């Protein structure tokens, strides 16, 4: 449960980092955070599926440094990637 919360919070951070770096894809702090949270949850889950060690550590509830870093990394990456994709789609739809 705690690893999921870490992944979601890290996703919000990743969404806002991506929005800050890619100004043309940014949707504002609120929506960057919302989309980042969704992406963070997905990113942490996907990382758990790809790396069985991280997935097993997260499922067992153990909070060693490896599982924490895995949740943070998956959350930041997932949040940033999803925010970037949705930001560019929104921008393309506004042009049409």
Protein backbone atom coordinates (compact mmCIF):
# COMPACT_ATOMS: atom_id res chain seq x y z
CA UNK A 1 0.00 0.00 0.00
CA UNK A 2 2.78 2.41 0.90
CA UNK A 3 4.62 1.68 -2.35
CA UNK A 4 1.45 2.59 -4.27
CA UNK A 5 1.22 5.91 -2.44
CA UNK A 6 4.89 6.57 -3.17
CA UNK A 7 4.30 5.77 -6.85
CA UNK A 8 1.31 8.11 -7.04
CA UNK A 9 3.11 10.98 -5.31
CA UNK A 10 6.15 10.45 -7.51
CA UNK A 11 3.87 10.49 -10.55
CA UNK A 12 2.60 13.94 -9.58
CA UNK A 13 6.21 15.07 -9.29
CA UNK A 14 7.05 13.52 -12.68
CA UNK A 15 4.05 15.16 -14.33
CA UNK A 16 5.04 18.58 -13.04
CA UNK A 17 8.70 18.07 -13.96
CA UNK A 18 7.70 17.12 -17.51
CA UNK A 19 5.38 20.13 -17.68
CA UNK A 20 8.18 22.40 -16.53
CA UNK A 21 10.67 21.01 -19.04
CA UNK A 22 8.25 20.77 -21.98
CA UNK A 23 6.36 24.06 -21.73
CA UNK A 24 4.45 23.43 -24.96
CA UNK A 25 2.97 20.20 -23.54
CA UNK A 26 2.17 21.62 -20.09
CA UNK A 27 -1.48 21.74 -19.03
CA UNK A 28 -0.93 23.75 -15.86
CA UNK A 29 0.11 22.53 -12.42
CA UNK A 30 -3.25 21.00 -11.49
CA UNK A 31 -3.69 18.89 -14.62
CA UNK A 32 0.00 18.04 -14.80
CA UNK A 33 -0.38 16.62 -11.28
CA UNK A 34 -3.62 14.75 -12.02
CA UNK A 35 -2.27 13.13 -15.17
CA UNK A 36 1.05 12.51 -13.42
CA UNK A 37 -0.72 10.69 -10.57
CA UNK A 38 -2.46 8.42 -13.08
CA UNK A 39 0.80 7.82 -14.92
CA UNK A 40 2.65 7.24 -11.66
CA UNK A 41 0.25 4.49 -10.67
CA UNK A 42 0.59 2.88 -14.07
CA UNK A 43 4.37 3.33 -14.15
CA UNK A 44 4.91 1.77 -10.74
CA UNK A 45 2.66 -1.17 -11.71
CA UNK A 46 4.41 -1.71 -15.03
CA UNK A 47 7.82 -1.55 -13.36
CA UNK A 48 6.63 -4.16 -10.88
CA UNK A 49 5.60 -6.44 -13.76
CA UNK A 50 8.87 -5.93 -15.64
CA UNK A 51 11.10 -6.42 -12.60
CA UNK A 52 9.81 -9.28 -10.45
CA UNK A 53 12.12 -8.36 -7.56
CA UNK A 54 10.64 -4.86 -7.28
CA UNK A 55 7.10 -6.19 -7.73
CA UNK A 56 7.59 -8.82 -5.02
CA UNK A 57 9.07 -6.28 -2.61
CA UNK A 58 6.19 -3.87 -3.21
CA UNK A 59 3.58 -6.62 -2.82
CA UNK A 60 5.09 -7.85 0.44
CA UNK A 61 5.00 -4.35 1.89
CA UNK A 62 8.72 -4.34 2.63
CA UNK A 63 10.13 -0.86 2.57
CA UNK A 64 13.77 -1.46 1.78
CA UNK A 65 15.67 1.09 -0.27
CA UNK A 66 15.32 -0.93 -3.49
CA UNK A 67 11.53 -1.04 -3.39
CA UNK A 68 11.29 2.64 -2.46
CA UNK A 69 13.60 3.69 -5.29
CA UNK A 70 11.73 1.39 -7.69
CA UNK A 71 8.40 2.98 -6.76
CA UNK A 72 9.82 6.48 -7.06
CA UNK A 73 11.51 5.74 -10.40
CA UNK A 74 8.46 4.05 -11.88
CA UNK A 75 6.18 6.81 -10.63
CA UNK A 76 8.30 9.70 -11.93
CA UNK A 77 8.84 8.02 -15.30
CA UNK A 78 5.20 6.97 -15.71
CA UNK A 79 3.88 10.37 -14.64
CA UNK A 80 6.23 12.27 -16.91
CA UNK A 81 5.61 10.06 -19.92
CA UNK A 82 1.80 10.07 -19.60
CA UNK A 83 1.69 13.84 -19.01
CA UNK A 84 3.84 14.43 -22.09
CA UNK A 85 1.69 12.18 -24.29
CA UNK A 86 -1.60 13.71 -23.13
CA UNK A 87 -0.19 17.24 -23.34
CA UNK A 88 0.87 16.78 -26.96
CA UNK A 89 -2.48 15.16 -27.85
CA UNK A 90 -4.35 18.08 -26.25
CA UNK A 91 -2.19 20.57 -28.11
CA UNK A 92 -2.77 18.76 -31.44
CA UNK A 93 -6.53 18.72 -30.84
CA UNK A 94 -6.56 22.47 -30.14
CA UNK A 95 -4.86 23.13 -33.50
CA UNK A 96 -7.50 21.24 -35.45
